[in-house]
PDB file of N, CA and C in Angstrom:
ATOM      1  N   MET A   1       1.109  -1.366   0.228  1.00  0.00           N
ATOM      2  CA  MET A   1      -0.053  -0.062  -0.065  1.00  0.00           C
ATOM      3  C   MET A   1       0.956   1.096   0.166  1.00  0.00           C
ATOM      4  N   TYR A   2       1.870   1.295   0.481  1.00  0.00           N
ATOM      5  CA  TYR A   2       2.792   2.151   0.642  1.00  0.00           C
ATOM      6  C   TYR A   2       3.206   2.927  -0.802  1.00  0.00           C
ATOM      7  N   GLY A   3       3.542   1.966  -1.585  1.00  0.00           N
ATOM      8  CA  GLY A   3       4.100   2.136  -2.701  1.00  0.00           C
ATOM      9  C   GLY A   3       3.095   3.351  -3.278  1.00  0.00           C
ATOM     10  N   ARG A   4       1.825   2.160  -3.130  1.00  0.00           N
ATOM     11  CA  ARG A   4       0.539   2.822  -4.198  1.00  0.00           C
ATOM     12  C   ARG A   4       0.863   4.160  -3.697  1.00  0.00           C
ATOM     13  N   VAL A   5       0.798   4.809  -2.387  1.00  0.00           N
ATOM     14  CA  VAL A   5       0.498   6.601  -1.620  1.00  0.00           C
ATOM     15  C   VAL A   5       1.556   6.720  -2.418  1.00  0.00           C
ATOM     16  N   GLU A   6       2.767   6.670  -2.342  1.00  0.00           N
ATOM     17  CA  GLU A   6       3.696   7.647  -2.402  1.00  0.00           C
ATOM     18  C   GLU A   6       3.781   7.458  -4.234  1.00  0.00           C
ATOM     19  N   LYS A   7       3.431   5.849  -4.656  1.00  0.00           N
ATOM     20  CA  LYS A   7       3.410   6.979  -6.413  1.00  0.00           C
ATOM     21  C   LYS A   7       2.323   7.883  -6.814  1.00  0.00           C
ATOM     22  N   THR A   8       1.238   7.879  -6.127  1.00  0.00           N
ATOM     23  CA  THR A   8       0.409   8.939  -6.105  1.00  0.00           C
ATOM     24  C   THR A   8       0.597  10.190  -6.120  1.00  0.00           C
ATOM     25  N   ARG A   9       1.746  10.090  -4.405  1.00  0.00           N
ATOM     26  CA  ARG A   9       2.195  11.812  -3.449  1.00  0.00           C
ATOM     27  C   ARG A   9       2.973  11.722  -5.376  1.00  0.00           C
ATOM     28  N   GLU A  10       3.581  11.276  -6.037  1.00  0.00           N
ATOM     29  CA  GLU A  10       4.935  11.045  -6.585  1.00  0.00           C
ATOM     30  C   GLU A  10       4.137  12.306  -7.903  1.00  0.00           C
ATOM     31  N   LEU A  11       3.121  11.724  -8.971  1.00  0.00           N
ATOM     32  CA  LEU A  11       2.521  12.288  -9.823  1.00  0.00           C
ATOM     33  C   LEU A  11       1.793  13.883  -9.336  1.00  0.00           C
ATOM     34  N   LEU A  12       1.116  13.710  -7.990  1.00  0.00           N
ATOM     35  CA  LEU A  12       0.655  14.730  -7.853  1.00  0.00           C
ATOM     36  C   LEU A  12       1.795  15.863  -7.724  1.00  0.00           C
ATOM     37  N   LYS A  13       2.767  15.820  -7.454  1.00  0.00           N
ATOM     38  CA  LYS A  13       3.274  17.026  -7.594  1.00  0.00           C
ATOM     39  C   LYS A  13       4.332  16.421  -8.841  1.00  0.00           C
ATOM     40  N   THR A  14       4.120  16.340  -9.821  1.00  0.00           N
ATOM     41  CA  THR A  14       4.767  16.304 -11.090  1.00  0.00           C
ATOM     42  C   THR A  14       3.400  17.521 -11.834  1.00  0.00           C
ATOM     43  N   ALA A  15       2.402  17.048 -11.842  1.00  0.00           N
ATOM     44  CA  ALA A  15       1.508  17.479 -12.348  1.00  0.00           C
ATOM     45  C   ALA A  15       1.272  18.533 -11.532  1.00  0.00           C
ATOM     46  N   ILE A  16       2.000  19.329 -10.467  1.00  0.00           N
ATOM     47  CA  ILE A  16       1.641  20.376 -10.228  1.00  0.00           C
ATOM     48  C   ILE A  16       2.835  21.287 -11.028  1.00  0.00           C
ATOM     49  N   GLU A  17       3.979  20.776 -10.362  1.00  0.00           N
ATOM     50  CA  GLU A  17       5.475  21.430 -10.765  1.00  0.00           C
ATOM     51  C   GLU A  17       4.942  21.305 -12.206  1.00  0.00           C
ATOM     52  N   ALA A  18       4.503  20.717 -13.064  1.00  0.00           N
ATOM     53  CA  ALA A  18       4.384  21.029 -14.276  1.00  0.00           C
ATOM     54  C   ALA A  18       3.414  21.852 -15.067  1.00  0.00           C
ATOM     55  N   THR A  19       2.726  22.242 -13.913  1.00  0.00           N
ATOM     56  CA  THR A  19       1.634  23.216 -14.118  1.00  0.00           C
ATOM     57  C   THR A  19       2.159  24.547 -13.905  1.00  0.00           C
ATOM     58  N   ASP A  20       2.496  24.355 -13.004  1.00  0.00           N
ATOM     59  CA  ASP A  20       3.345  25.930 -12.700  1.00  0.00           C
ATOM     60  C   ASP A  20       4.544  26.072 -14.020  1.00  0.00           C
ATOM     61  N   GLY A  21       5.236  25.129 -14.264  1.00  0.00           N
ATOM     62  CA  GLY A  21       5.299  25.247 -15.361  1.00  0.00           C
ATOM     63  C   GLY A  21       5.154  25.736 -16.319  1.00  0.00           C
ATOM     64  N   TYR A  22       3.598  25.119 -17.265  1.00  0.00           N
ATOM     65  CA  TYR A  22       3.095  26.069 -17.974  1.00  0.00           C
ATOM     66  C   TYR A  22       2.754  27.041 -18.154  1.00  0.00           C
ATOM     67  N   LEU A  23       2.391  27.332 -16.869  1.00  0.00           N
ATOM     68  CA  LEU A  23       1.696  28.742 -16.883  1.00  0.00           C
ATOM     69  C   LEU A  23       2.593  30.038 -16.901  1.00  0.00           C
ATOM     70  N   GLY A  24       4.048  29.644 -16.558  1.00  0.00           N
ATOM     71  CA  GLY A  24       4.873  29.970 -15.949  1.00  0.00           C
ATOM     72  C   GLY A  24       5.281  30.900 -17.521  1.00  0.00           C
ATOM     73  N   ALA A  25       5.367  29.524 -18.376  1.00  0.00           N
ATOM     74  CA  ALA A  25       5.807  30.326 -20.000  1.00  0.00           C
ATOM     75  C   ALA A  25       4.779  30.629 -20.669  1.00  0.00           C
ATOM     76  N   GLU A  26       3.681  30.853 -20.066  1.00  0.00           N
ATOM     77  CA  GLU A  26       1.721  31.181 -20.455  1.00  0.00           C
ATOM     78  C   GLU A  26       2.627  32.503 -19.871  1.00  0.00           C
ATOM     79  N   LYS A  27       3.090  33.241 -19.106  1.00  0.00           N
ATOM     80  CA  LYS A  27       3.124  34.373 -18.213  1.00  0.00           C
ATOM     81  C   LYS A  27       3.920  35.250 -18.895  1.00  0.00           C
ATOM     82  N   ASP A  28       5.100  34.395 -19.362  1.00  0.00           N
ATOM     83  CA  ASP A  28       6.274  35.289 -20.511  1.00  0.00           C
ATOM     84  C   ASP A  28       5.891  35.450 -21.759  1.00  0.00           C
ATOM     85  N   ALA A  29       5.194  34.472 -21.945  1.00  0.00           N
ATOM     86  CA  ALA A  29       4.730  35.062 -23.327  1.00  0.00           C
ATOM     87  C   ALA A  29       3.884  36.340 -23.496  1.00  0.00           C
ATOM     88  N   VAL A  30       2.429  35.990 -22.215  1.00  0.00           N
ATOM     89  CA  VAL A  30       2.028  37.267 -22.304  1.00  0.00           C
ATOM     90  C   VAL A  30       2.940  38.100 -21.906  1.00  0.00           C
ATOM     91  N   ASN A  31       3.598  38.104 -21.128  1.00  0.00           N
ATOM     92  CA  ASN A  31       4.338  39.946 -20.641  1.00  0.00           C
ATOM     93  C   ASN A  31       5.452  40.182 -21.549  1.00  0.00           C
ATOM     94  N   ASN A  32       6.357  39.805 -22.134  1.00  0.00           N
ATOM     95  CA  ASN A  32       7.136  39.442 -23.390  1.00  0.00           C
ATOM     96  C   ASN A  32       7.492  39.042 -24.428  1.00  0.00           C
ATOM     97  N   GLY A  33       6.208  39.252 -24.574  1.00  0.00           N
ATOM     98  CA  GLY A  33       5.897  38.322 -26.277  1.00  0.00           C
ATOM     99  C   GLY A  33       5.945  36.696 -26.022  1.00  0.00           C
ATOM    100  N   ILE A  34       5.524  36.292 -27.163  1.00  0.00           N
ATOM    101  CA  ILE A  34       5.753  34.347 -27.677  1.00  0.00           C
ATOM    102  C   ILE A  34       7.260  34.705 -28.176  1.00  0.00           C
ATOM    103  N   THR A  35       7.993  33.256 -27.543  1.00  0.00           N
ATOM    104  CA  THR A  35       8.893  33.461 -28.146  1.00  0.00           C
ATOM    105  C   THR A  35       9.433  31.432 -28.919  1.00  0.00           C
ATOM    106  N   ASN A  36       9.767  31.110 -29.593  1.00  0.00           N
ATOM    107  CA  ASN A  36       9.842  29.796 -29.711  1.00  0.00           C
ATOM    108  C   ASN A  36      10.739  29.227 -28.069  1.00  0.00           C
ATOM    109  N   GLN A  37      11.092  29.773 -27.160  1.00  0.00           N
ATOM    110  CA  GLN A  37      11.645  29.341 -26.468  1.00  0.00           C
ATOM    111  C   GLN A  37      10.234  28.862 -24.875  1.00  0.00           C
ATOM    112  N   ASN A  38       9.595  29.849 -24.876  1.00  0.00           N
ATOM    113  CA  ASN A  38       8.863  29.867 -24.514  1.00  0.00           C
ATOM    114  C   ASN A  38       7.664  28.774 -24.916  1.00  0.00           C
ATOM    115  N   LEU A  39       7.816  29.047 -25.813  1.00  0.00           N
ATOM    116  CA  LEU A  39       6.146  27.999 -26.478  1.00  0.00           C
ATOM    117  C   LEU A  39       6.699  26.707 -25.920  1.00  0.00           C
ATOM    118  N   LYS A  40       7.965  25.985 -26.373  1.00  0.00           N
ATOM    119  CA  LYS A  40       8.927  24.745 -26.508  1.00  0.00           C
ATOM    120  C   LYS A  40       8.554  24.498 -24.560  1.00  0.00           C
ATOM    121  N   ASP A  41       8.611  25.249 -24.078  1.00  0.00           N
ATOM    122  CA  ASP A  41       8.726  25.105 -22.381  1.00  0.00           C
ATOM    123  C   ASP A  41       7.156  25.085 -22.442  1.00  0.00           C
ATOM    124  N   PHE A  42       6.393  25.851 -22.254  1.00  0.00           N
ATOM    125  CA  PHE A  42       4.644  25.780 -22.061  1.00  0.00           C
ATOM    126  C   PHE A  42       4.564  23.785 -22.865  1.00  0.00           C
ATOM    127  N   MET A  43       5.091  23.502 -24.128  1.00  0.00           N
ATOM    128  CA  MET A  43       4.409  22.919 -24.407  1.00  0.00           C
ATOM    129  C   MET A  43       4.958  21.425 -23.643  1.00  0.00           C
ATOM    130  N   TYR A  44       6.104  21.852 -23.762  1.00  0.00           N
ATOM    131  CA  TYR A  44       6.915  20.922 -22.409  1.00  0.00           C
ATOM    132  C   TYR A  44       6.322  19.931 -21.054  1.00  0.00           C
ATOM    133  N   PHE A  45       5.671  21.294 -20.038  1.00  0.00           N
ATOM    134  CA  PHE A  45       5.346  20.961 -19.438  1.00  0.00           C
ATOM    135  C   PHE A  45       3.309  20.862 -19.359  1.00  0.00           C
ATOM    136  N   PHE A  46       3.283  21.517 -20.721  1.00  0.00           N
ATOM    137  CA  PHE A  46       2.026  21.438 -20.088  1.00  0.00           C
ATOM    138  C   PHE A  46       1.706  19.269 -21.173  1.00  0.00           C
ATOM    139  N   THR A  47       2.684  18.957 -21.504  1.00  0.00           N
ATOM    140  CA  THR A  47       2.504  17.908 -22.066  1.00  0.00           C
ATOM    141  C   THR A  47       2.879  16.617 -20.375  1.00  0.00           C
ATOM    142  N   ARG A  48       3.621  17.044 -19.648  1.00  0.00           N
ATOM    143  CA  ARG A  48       4.070  16.393 -18.315  1.00  0.00           C
ATOM    144  C   ARG A  48       2.758  16.477 -17.330  1.00  0.00           C
ATOM    145  N   ALA A  49       2.458  17.679 -18.194  1.00  0.00           N
ATOM    146  CA  ALA A  49       1.018  17.797 -16.743  1.00  0.00           C
ATOM    147  C   ALA A  49      -0.274  16.830 -17.311  1.00  0.00           C
ATOM    148  N   GLN A  50      -0.377  16.625 -18.597  1.00  0.00           N
ATOM    149  CA  GLN A  50      -1.252  15.905 -18.541  1.00  0.00           C
ATOM    150  C   GLN A  50      -1.489  14.340 -19.078  1.00  0.00           C
ATOM    151  N   GLN A  51       0.149  13.740 -18.743  1.00  0.00           N
ATOM    152  CA  GLN A  51       0.537  12.495 -18.257  1.00  0.00           C
ATOM    153  C   GLN A  51       0.228  11.893 -17.341  1.00  0.00           C
ATOM    154  N   ALA A  52       1.014  12.758 -15.897  1.00  0.00           N
ATOM    155  CA  ALA A  52       0.823  13.088 -14.969  1.00  0.00           C
ATOM    156  C   ALA A  52      -0.861  12.533 -14.600  1.00  0.00           C
ATOM    157  N   LEU A  53      -1.645  13.458 -14.851  1.00  0.00           N
ATOM    158  CA  LEU A  53      -3.415  13.697 -15.002  1.00  0.00           C
ATOM    159  C   LEU A  53      -3.434  12.492 -15.400  1.00  0.00           C
ATOM    160  N   THR A  54      -3.505  12.151 -16.648  1.00  0.00           N
ATOM    161  CA  THR A  54      -3.667  10.655 -16.592  1.00  0.00           C
ATOM    162  C   THR A  54      -3.410   9.876 -16.296  1.00  0.00           C
ATOM    163  N   GLN A  55      -2.497   9.644 -16.147  1.00  0.00           N
ATOM    164  CA  GLN A  55      -2.116   8.529 -15.067  1.00  0.00           C
ATOM    165  C   GLN A  55      -2.737   8.724 -13.598  1.00  0.00           C
ATOM    166  N   LEU A  56      -3.341   9.808 -12.952  1.00  0.00           N
ATOM    167  CA  LEU A  56      -3.779   9.600 -12.145  1.00  0.00           C
ATOM    168  C   LEU A  56      -5.284   9.167 -11.935  1.00  0.00           C
ATOM    169  N   GLY A  57      -5.803   9.521 -13.297  1.00  0.00           N
ATOM    170  CA  GLY A  57      -7.497   9.148 -14.016  1.00  0.00           C
ATOM    171  C   GLY A  57      -7.818  10.266 -13.516  1.00  0.00           C
ATOM    172  N   ILE A  58      -7.680  11.740 -13.425  1.00  0.00           N
ATOM    173  CA  ILE A  58      -8.466  12.420 -12.987  1.00  0.00           C
ATOM    174  C   ILE A  58      -8.085  13.533 -14.669  1.00  0.00           C
ATOM    175  N   LEU A  59      -7.950  13.514 -15.683  1.00  0.00           N
ATOM    176  CA  LEU A  59      -7.039  13.931 -16.501  1.00  0.00           C
ATOM    177  C   LEU A  59      -8.321  15.098 -17.519  1.00  0.00           C
ATOM    178  N   ASP A  60      -9.826  14.389 -17.410  1.00  0.00           N
ATOM    179  CA  ASP A  60     -11.112  15.060 -17.606  1.00  0.00           C
ATOM    180  C   ASP A  60     -11.499  15.693 -16.667  1.00  0.00           C
ATOM    181  N   LYS A  61     -11.195  16.223 -15.599  1.00  0.00           N
ATOM    182  CA  LYS A  61     -11.359  17.350 -14.272  1.00  0.00           C
ATOM    183  C   LYS A  61     -11.114  18.496 -14.873  1.00  0.00           C
ATOM    184  N   HIS A  62      -9.663  18.117 -15.255  1.00  0.00           N
ATOM    185  CA  HIS A  62      -8.909  19.615 -15.535  1.00  0.00           C
ATOM    186  C   HIS A  62      -9.123  20.118 -17.364  1.00  0.00           C
ATOM    187  N   MET A  63      -9.331  19.523 -18.090  1.00  0.00           N
ATOM    188  CA  MET A  63      -9.145  19.440 -19.459  1.00  0.00           C
ATOM    189  C   MET A  63      -9.804  21.131 -19.612  1.00  0.00           C
ATOM    190  N   GLU A  64     -10.812  21.571 -19.582  1.00  0.00           N
ATOM    191  CA  GLU A  64     -11.286  22.541 -19.622  1.00  0.00           C
ATOM    192  C   GLU A  64     -10.534  24.178 -19.422  1.00  0.00           C
ATOM    193  N   TYR A  65     -10.018  23.484 -18.203  1.00  0.00           N
ATOM    194  CA  TYR A  65      -8.645  24.375 -17.814  1.00  0.00           C
ATOM    195  C   TYR A  65      -7.269  24.752 -18.796  1.00  0.00           C
ATOM    196  N   MET A  66      -7.119  23.613 -18.590  1.00  0.00           N
ATOM    197  CA  MET A  66      -5.956  23.478 -19.521  1.00  0.00           C
ATOM    198  C   MET A  66      -6.102  23.912 -21.362  1.00  0.00           C
ATOM    199  N   THR A  67      -7.543  23.353 -21.644  1.00  0.00           N
ATOM    200  CA  THR A  67      -7.343  23.891 -23.210  1.00  0.00           C
ATOM    201  C   THR A  67      -7.658  25.046 -22.744  1.00  0.00           C
ATOM    202  N   SER A  68      -7.700  26.156 -22.161  1.00  0.00           N
ATOM    203  CA  SER A  68      -8.153  27.579 -21.839  1.00  0.00           C
ATOM    204  C   SER A  68      -7.160  28.259 -21.847  1.00  0.00           C
ATOM    205  N   HIS A  69      -5.453  27.341 -21.544  1.00  0.00           N
ATOM    206  CA  HIS A  69      -4.108  27.682 -21.614  1.00  0.00           C
ATOM    207  C   HIS A  69      -3.566  28.073 -22.845  1.00  0.00           C
ATOM    208  N   MET A  70      -4.288  26.398 -23.675  1.00  0.00           N
ATOM    209  CA  MET A  70      -3.966  26.377 -25.278  1.00  0.00           C
ATOM    210  C   MET A  70      -3.754  27.460 -25.969  1.00  0.00           C
ATOM    211  N   ALA A  71      -5.298  27.706 -25.027  1.00  0.00           N
ATOM    212  CA  ALA A  71      -5.688  29.019 -26.435  1.00  0.00           C
ATOM    213  C   ALA A  71      -5.194  30.223 -26.065  1.00  0.00           C
ATOM    214  N   THR A  72      -5.094  30.641 -25.164  1.00  0.00           N
ATOM    215  CA  THR A  72      -4.452  31.925 -25.030  1.00  0.00           C
ATOM    216  C   THR A  72      -2.623  31.808 -25.570  1.00  0.00           C
ATOM    217  N   MET A  73      -1.941  30.552 -25.348  1.00  0.00           N
ATOM    218  CA  MET A  73      -1.085  30.334 -26.393  1.00  0.00           C
ATOM    219  C   MET A  73      -0.718  30.603 -27.826  1.00  0.00           C
ATOM    220  N   GLU A  74      -2.004  30.209 -28.304  1.00  0.00           N
ATOM    221  CA  GLU A  74      -2.680  30.267 -29.539  1.00  0.00           C
ATOM    222  C   GLU A  74      -2.838  31.920 -30.225  1.00  0.00           C
ATOM    223  N   ASP A  75      -3.475  32.428 -29.131  1.00  0.00           N
ATOM    224  CA  ASP A  75      -3.619  33.690 -29.423  1.00  0.00           C
ATOM    225  C   ASP A  75      -2.616  34.156 -29.627  1.00  0.00           C
ATOM    226  N   LEU A  76      -1.376  34.429 -28.659  1.00  0.00           N
ATOM    227  CA  LEU A  76      -0.190  34.795 -29.111  1.00  0.00           C
ATOM    228  C   LEU A  76       0.379  34.816 -29.866  1.00  0.00           C
ATOM    229  N   ALA A  77       0.105  33.214 -30.701  1.00  0.00           N
ATOM    230  CA  ALA A  77       1.282  32.921 -31.238  1.00  0.00           C
ATOM    231  C   ALA A  77       0.656  32.997 -33.229  1.00  0.00           C
ATOM    232  N   LYS A  78      -0.725  33.932 -32.881  1.00  0.00           N
ATOM    233  CA  LYS A  78      -1.496  33.565 -34.001  1.00  0.00           C
ATOM    234  C   LYS A  78      -1.156  34.105 -35.313  1.00  0.00           C
ATOM    235  N   ASP A  79      -0.123  35.221 -35.295  1.00  0.00           N
ATOM    236  CA  ASP A  79       0.631  35.941 -36.521  1.00  0.00           C
ATOM    237  C   ASP A  79       1.964  35.616 -36.228  1.00  0.00           C
ATOM    238  N   ASP A  80       2.363  34.291 -36.056  1.00  0.00           N
ATOM    239  CA  ASP A  80       3.977  34.086 -35.636  1.00  0.00           C
ATOM    240  C   ASP A  80       3.726  32.873 -35.885  1.00  0.00           C
ATOM    241  N   SER A  81       4.824  32.390 -37.167  1.00  0.00           N
ATOM    242  CA  SER A  81       4.627  30.706 -37.467  1.00  0.00           C
ATOM    243  C   SER A  81       5.063  29.902 -36.587  1.00  0.00           C
ATOM    244  N   THR A  82       4.725  29.848 -35.462  1.00  0.00           N
ATOM    245  CA  THR A  82       4.964  29.131 -34.557  1.00  0.00           C
ATOM    246  C   THR A  82       4.101  28.501 -33.804  1.00  0.00           C
ATOM    247  N   ILE A  83       2.648  29.290 -34.670  1.00  0.00           N
ATOM    248  CA  ILE A  83       1.327  28.576 -34.324  1.00  0.00           C
ATOM    249  C   ILE A  83       0.946  27.200 -35.077  1.00  0.00           C
ATOM    250  N   GLN A  84       1.518  26.927 -36.222  1.00  0.00           N
ATOM    251  CA  GLN A  84       1.785  25.692 -36.554  1.00  0.00           C
ATOM    252  C   GLN A  84       2.045  24.525 -35.588  1.00  0.00           C
ATOM    253  N   ASN A  85       3.213  24.974 -34.791  1.00  0.00           N
ATOM    254  CA  ASN A  85       3.882  23.687 -33.790  1.00  0.00           C
ATOM    255  C   ASN A  85       2.844  23.414 -32.755  1.00  0.00           C
ATOM    256  N   ILE A  86       1.905  24.443 -32.361  1.00  0.00           N
ATOM    257  CA  ILE A  86       0.689  24.401 -30.956  1.00  0.00           C
ATOM    258  C   ILE A  86      -0.508  23.759 -31.869  1.00  0.00           C
ATOM    259  N   THR A  87      -0.741  24.726 -32.889  1.00  0.00           N
ATOM    260  CA  THR A  87      -2.079  23.954 -33.218  1.00  0.00           C
ATOM    261  C   THR A  87      -1.517  22.432 -33.893  1.00  0.00           C
ATOM    262  N   SER A  88      -0.614  22.104 -33.772  1.00  0.00           N
ATOM    263  CA  SER A  88      -0.629  20.456 -34.823  1.00  0.00           C
ATOM    264  C   SER A  88      -0.414  19.699 -33.161  1.00  0.00           C
ATOM    265  N   TYR A  89       0.429  20.308 -32.443  1.00  0.00           N
ATOM    266  CA  TYR A  89       0.147  19.499 -30.983  1.00  0.00           C
ATOM    267  C   TYR A  89      -0.935  19.470 -29.825  1.00  0.00           C
ATOM    268  N   ARG A  90      -1.599  20.395 -30.484  1.00  0.00           N
ATOM    269  CA  ARG A  90      -3.107  20.498 -30.044  1.00  0.00           C
ATOM    270  C   ARG A  90      -3.465  19.990 -30.528  1.00  0.00           C
ATOM    271  N   ASP A  91      -4.008  19.233 -31.422  1.00  0.00           N
ATOM    272  CA  ASP A  91      -5.034  18.715 -32.484  1.00  0.00           C
ATOM    273  C   ASP A  91      -4.889  17.007 -32.293  1.00  0.00           C
ATOM    274  N   ARG A  92      -3.146  16.949 -31.533  1.00  0.00           N
ATOM    275  CA  ARG A  92      -2.566  15.504 -31.829  1.00  0.00           C
ATOM    276  C   ARG A  92      -3.059  14.901 -30.686  1.00  0.00           C
ATOM    277  N   LYS A  93      -3.149  15.868 -29.318  1.00  0.00           N
ATOM    278  CA  LYS A  93      -3.087  15.616 -28.194  1.00  0.00           C
ATOM    279  C   LYS A  93      -5.296  15.404 -28.185  1.00  0.00           C
ATOM    280  N   SER A  94      -5.258  16.752 -28.760  1.00  0.00           N
ATOM    281  CA  SER A  94      -7.006  16.092 -28.481  1.00  0.00           C
ATOM    282  C   SER A  94      -7.577  15.125 -29.180  1.00  0.00           C
ATOM    283  N   THR A  95      -6.940  14.595 -30.476  1.00  0.00           N
ATOM    284  CA  THR A  95      -7.770  13.026 -30.953  1.00  0.00           C
ATOM    285  C   THR A  95      -6.798  11.957 -29.836  1.00  0.00           C
ATOM    286  N   ARG A  96      -5.567  12.277 -29.628  1.00  0.00           N
ATOM    287  CA  ARG A  96      -5.244  10.730 -28.464  1.00  0.00           C
ATOM    288  C   ARG A  96      -6.280  11.254 -26.786  1.00  0.00           C
ATOM    289  N   LEU A  97      -6.460  12.387 -26.588  1.00  0.00           N
ATOM    290  CA  LEU A  97      -7.584  12.222 -25.594  1.00  0.00           C
ATOM    291  C   LEU A  97      -8.739  11.845 -25.569  1.00  0.00           C
ATOM    292  N   ASN A  98      -9.657  12.816 -26.373  1.00  0.00           N
ATOM    293  CA  ASN A  98     -10.781  11.824 -26.600  1.00  0.00           C
ATOM    294  C   ASN A  98     -10.726  10.187 -27.230  1.00  0.00           C
ATOM    295  N   SER A  99      -9.912  10.302 -27.705  1.00  0.00           N
ATOM    296  CA  SER A  99      -9.689   8.638 -28.576  1.00  0.00           C
ATOM    297  C   SER A  99      -9.662   7.575 -26.231  1.00  0.00           C
ATOM    298  N   SER A 100      -8.878   8.291 -25.932  1.00  0.00           N
ATOM    299  CA  SER A 100      -8.846   7.254 -24.618  1.00  0.00           C
ATOM    300  C   SER A 100      -9.998   7.089 -23.926  1.00  0.00           C
ATOM    301  N   HIS A 101     -11.339   8.501 -24.037  1.00  0.00           N
ATOM    302  CA  HIS A 101     -12.176   7.873 -23.441  1.00  0.00           C
ATOM    303  C   HIS A 101     -13.324   7.125 -23.690  1.00  0.00           C
TER     304      HIS A 101
END
């Protein structure tokens, strides 16, 4: 039982840290303009949060919140060629998430 509790604790920690990471990247993009680096950081941490929440079995409870932040990054990048990267990423994730339910 201890191993299961410890695993859950580690997944929660990962989800919290990853969420903090993608929110930080978003904040940087909002305040200083979108860059390839903050977009990469956002996508990296977003993926980590999504994976941890999936393993915890609670991703569906967080999707609306997470999607709103993805939309913010899309809006910031709409006039930039990096939009193709984030849109492609979002579409792949959306397809996978919808097929896993």
